[in-house]
């Protein structure tokens, strides 16, 4: 549904909310977001839920 809407609207940006994953898989996006990104040809802005704490250390440690 979203990929078709992106094409029909000639969208330049899709904004997605992500949630639900923990551990290593949380480093990336949720399943739905990953599947949509594979099927569209425009920029994507993915937003994590309020209070989300990244499992990555910004200092690379």
N, C-alpha and C. Protein backbone atom coordinates (compact mmCIF):
# COMPACT_ATOMS: atom_id res chain seq x y z
N UNK A 1 0.81 -1.19 0.00
CA UNK A 1 0.00 0.00 0.00
C UNK A 1 0.87 1.27 0.00
N UNK A 2 1.85 1.35 0.88
CA UNK A 2 2.71 2.54 0.94
C UNK A 2 3.54 2.68 -0.34
N UNK A 3 4.19 1.62 -0.83
CA UNK A 3 4.95 1.78 -2.08
C UNK A 3 4.08 2.28 -3.24
N UNK A 4 2.83 1.82 -3.34
CA UNK A 4 1.95 2.28 -4.41
C UNK A 4 1.61 3.75 -4.22
N UNK A 5 1.35 4.18 -3.00
CA UNK A 5 1.05 5.58 -2.73
C UNK A 5 2.25 6.46 -3.05
N UNK A 6 3.45 6.00 -2.72
CA UNK A 6 4.67 6.75 -3.03
C UNK A 6 4.77 6.97 -4.54
N UNK A 7 4.51 5.90 -5.29
CA UNK A 7 4.57 6.00 -6.75
C UNK A 7 3.47 6.91 -7.29
N UNK A 8 2.24 6.70 -6.84
CA UNK A 8 1.10 7.49 -7.34
C UNK A 8 1.26 8.98 -7.04
N UNK A 9 1.82 9.29 -5.88
CA UNK A 9 1.97 10.69 -5.46
C UNK A 9 3.30 11.30 -5.90
N UNK A 10 4.17 10.46 -6.48
CA UNK A 10 5.51 10.91 -6.83
C UNK A 10 6.19 11.55 -5.61
N UNK A 11 6.07 10.85 -4.48
CA UNK A 11 6.57 11.37 -3.21
C UNK A 11 8.08 11.48 -3.21
N UNK A 12 8.58 12.51 -2.58
CA UNK A 12 10.02 12.70 -2.43
C UNK A 12 10.53 12.30 -1.06
N UNK A 13 9.59 12.10 -0.11
CA UNK A 13 9.96 11.74 1.26
C UNK A 13 8.85 10.92 1.89
N UNK A 14 9.24 9.86 2.58
CA UNK A 14 8.31 9.06 3.37
C UNK A 14 8.81 9.13 4.81
N UNK A 15 7.90 9.41 5.74
CA UNK A 15 8.23 9.45 7.16
C UNK A 15 7.61 8.21 7.80
N UNK A 16 8.47 7.41 8.46
CA UNK A 16 8.02 6.17 9.08
C UNK A 16 8.32 6.19 10.57
N UNK A 17 7.39 5.69 11.35
CA UNK A 17 7.65 5.45 12.77
C UNK A 17 8.15 4.03 12.92
N UNK A 18 9.09 3.80 13.82
CA UNK A 18 9.62 2.46 14.04
C UNK A 18 9.46 2.10 15.51
N UNK A 19 9.38 0.81 15.78
CA UNK A 19 9.27 0.36 17.17
C UNK A 19 9.43 -1.14 17.25
N UNK A 20 9.49 -1.63 18.48
CA UNK A 20 9.34 -3.05 18.71
C UNK A 20 10.58 -3.90 18.82
N UNK A 21 11.65 -3.58 18.19
CA UNK A 21 12.81 -4.46 18.22
C UNK A 21 13.75 -4.10 19.36
N UNK A 22 14.46 -5.13 19.83
CA UNK A 22 15.48 -4.92 20.85
C UNK A 22 16.73 -5.65 20.43
N UNK A 23 17.81 -5.43 21.15
CA UNK A 23 19.05 -6.13 20.85
C UNK A 23 19.68 -5.66 19.55
N UNK A 24 20.45 -6.55 18.92
CA UNK A 24 21.17 -6.20 17.71
C UNK A 24 20.25 -5.75 16.59
N UNK A 25 19.09 -6.39 16.46
CA UNK A 25 18.17 -6.00 15.38
C UNK A 25 17.65 -4.58 15.56
N UNK A 26 17.69 -4.05 16.78
CA UNK A 26 17.23 -2.68 17.03
C UNK A 26 18.19 -1.65 16.45
N UNK A 27 19.40 -2.07 16.11
CA UNK A 27 20.36 -1.15 15.50
C UNK A 27 19.81 -0.66 14.17
N UNK A 28 19.05 -1.51 13.51
CA UNK A 28 18.45 -1.17 12.22
C UNK A 28 16.99 -0.83 12.44
N UNK A 29 16.22 -0.82 11.38
CA UNK A 29 14.81 -0.47 11.48
C UNK A 29 13.96 -1.69 11.77
N UNK A 30 12.70 -1.48 12.06
CA UNK A 30 11.77 -2.59 12.24
C UNK A 30 11.49 -3.28 10.91
N UNK A 31 10.88 -4.45 10.98
CA UNK A 31 10.58 -5.24 9.79
C UNK A 31 9.78 -4.46 8.76
N UNK A 32 8.72 -3.80 9.19
CA UNK A 32 7.86 -3.07 8.25
C UNK A 32 8.64 -1.97 7.55
N UNK A 33 9.39 -1.19 8.30
CA UNK A 33 10.18 -0.11 7.71
C UNK A 33 11.21 -0.67 6.73
N UNK A 34 11.89 -1.76 7.10
CA UNK A 34 12.88 -2.36 6.20
C UNK A 34 12.23 -2.82 4.91
N UNK A 35 11.07 -3.44 5.00
CA UNK A 35 10.37 -3.92 3.80
C UNK A 35 9.93 -2.77 2.90
N UNK A 36 9.45 -1.70 3.48
CA UNK A 36 9.01 -0.55 2.69
C UNK A 36 10.19 0.11 2.00
N UNK A 37 11.29 0.28 2.72
CA UNK A 37 12.47 0.92 2.14
C UNK A 37 12.97 0.16 0.93
N UNK A 38 12.87 -1.15 0.96
CA UNK A 38 13.30 -1.97 -0.18
C UNK A 38 12.43 -1.77 -1.41
N UNK A 39 11.23 -1.23 -1.24
CA UNK A 39 10.27 -1.16 -2.34
C UNK A 39 9.99 0.25 -2.84
N UNK A 40 10.62 1.26 -2.27
CA UNK A 40 10.35 2.63 -2.70
C UNK A 40 11.63 3.29 -3.21
N UNK A 41 11.43 4.34 -3.98
CA UNK A 41 12.56 5.06 -4.56
C UNK A 41 12.47 6.54 -4.20
N UNK A 42 12.58 6.82 -2.89
CA UNK A 42 12.59 8.20 -2.42
C UNK A 42 13.28 8.22 -1.06
N UNK A 43 13.48 9.41 -0.54
CA UNK A 43 14.10 9.55 0.77
C UNK A 43 13.16 9.05 1.86
N UNK A 44 13.76 8.57 2.97
CA UNK A 44 12.98 8.06 4.10
C UNK A 44 13.51 8.69 5.38
N UNK A 45 12.59 9.17 6.21
CA UNK A 45 12.92 9.67 7.54
C UNK A 45 12.27 8.70 8.52
N UNK A 46 13.08 7.98 9.28
CA UNK A 46 12.57 7.01 10.25
C UNK A 46 12.68 7.59 11.65
N UNK A 47 11.58 7.57 12.38
CA UNK A 47 11.52 8.14 13.73
C UNK A 47 11.36 7.02 14.75
N UNK A 48 12.21 7.03 15.75
CA UNK A 48 12.12 6.07 16.85
C UNK A 48 11.12 6.60 17.88
N UNK A 49 10.55 5.71 18.70
CA UNK A 49 9.59 6.14 19.71
C UNK A 49 10.23 7.06 20.76
N UNK A 50 9.40 7.86 21.39
CA UNK A 50 9.86 8.72 22.47
C UNK A 50 10.52 7.89 23.56
N UNK A 51 11.65 8.34 24.05
CA UNK A 51 12.36 7.63 25.10
C UNK A 51 13.27 6.53 24.61
N UNK A 52 13.35 6.35 23.30
CA UNK A 52 14.21 5.29 22.74
C UNK A 52 15.67 5.59 23.08
N UNK A 53 16.39 4.58 23.53
CA UNK A 53 17.82 4.71 23.81
C UNK A 53 18.57 3.85 22.82
N UNK A 54 19.45 4.45 22.06
CA UNK A 54 20.19 3.73 21.03
C UNK A 54 21.13 2.71 21.65
N UNK A 55 21.18 1.50 21.06
CA UNK A 55 22.12 0.50 21.56
C UNK A 55 23.56 0.77 21.12
N UNK A 56 23.74 1.78 20.28
CA UNK A 56 25.07 2.13 19.80
C UNK A 56 25.68 3.23 20.65
N UNK A 57 26.95 3.14 20.90
CA UNK A 57 27.69 4.18 21.62
C UNK A 57 28.14 5.21 20.59
N UNK A 58 27.71 6.48 20.72
CA UNK A 58 28.10 7.49 19.73
C UNK A 58 29.61 7.71 19.64
N UNK A 59 30.35 7.28 20.66
CA UNK A 59 31.81 7.43 20.65
C UNK A 59 32.50 6.21 20.05
N UNK A 60 31.72 5.24 19.60
CA UNK A 60 32.30 4.06 18.97
C UNK A 60 32.94 3.09 19.95
N UNK A 61 32.58 3.19 21.20
CA UNK A 61 33.17 2.31 22.22
C UNK A 61 32.21 1.22 22.63
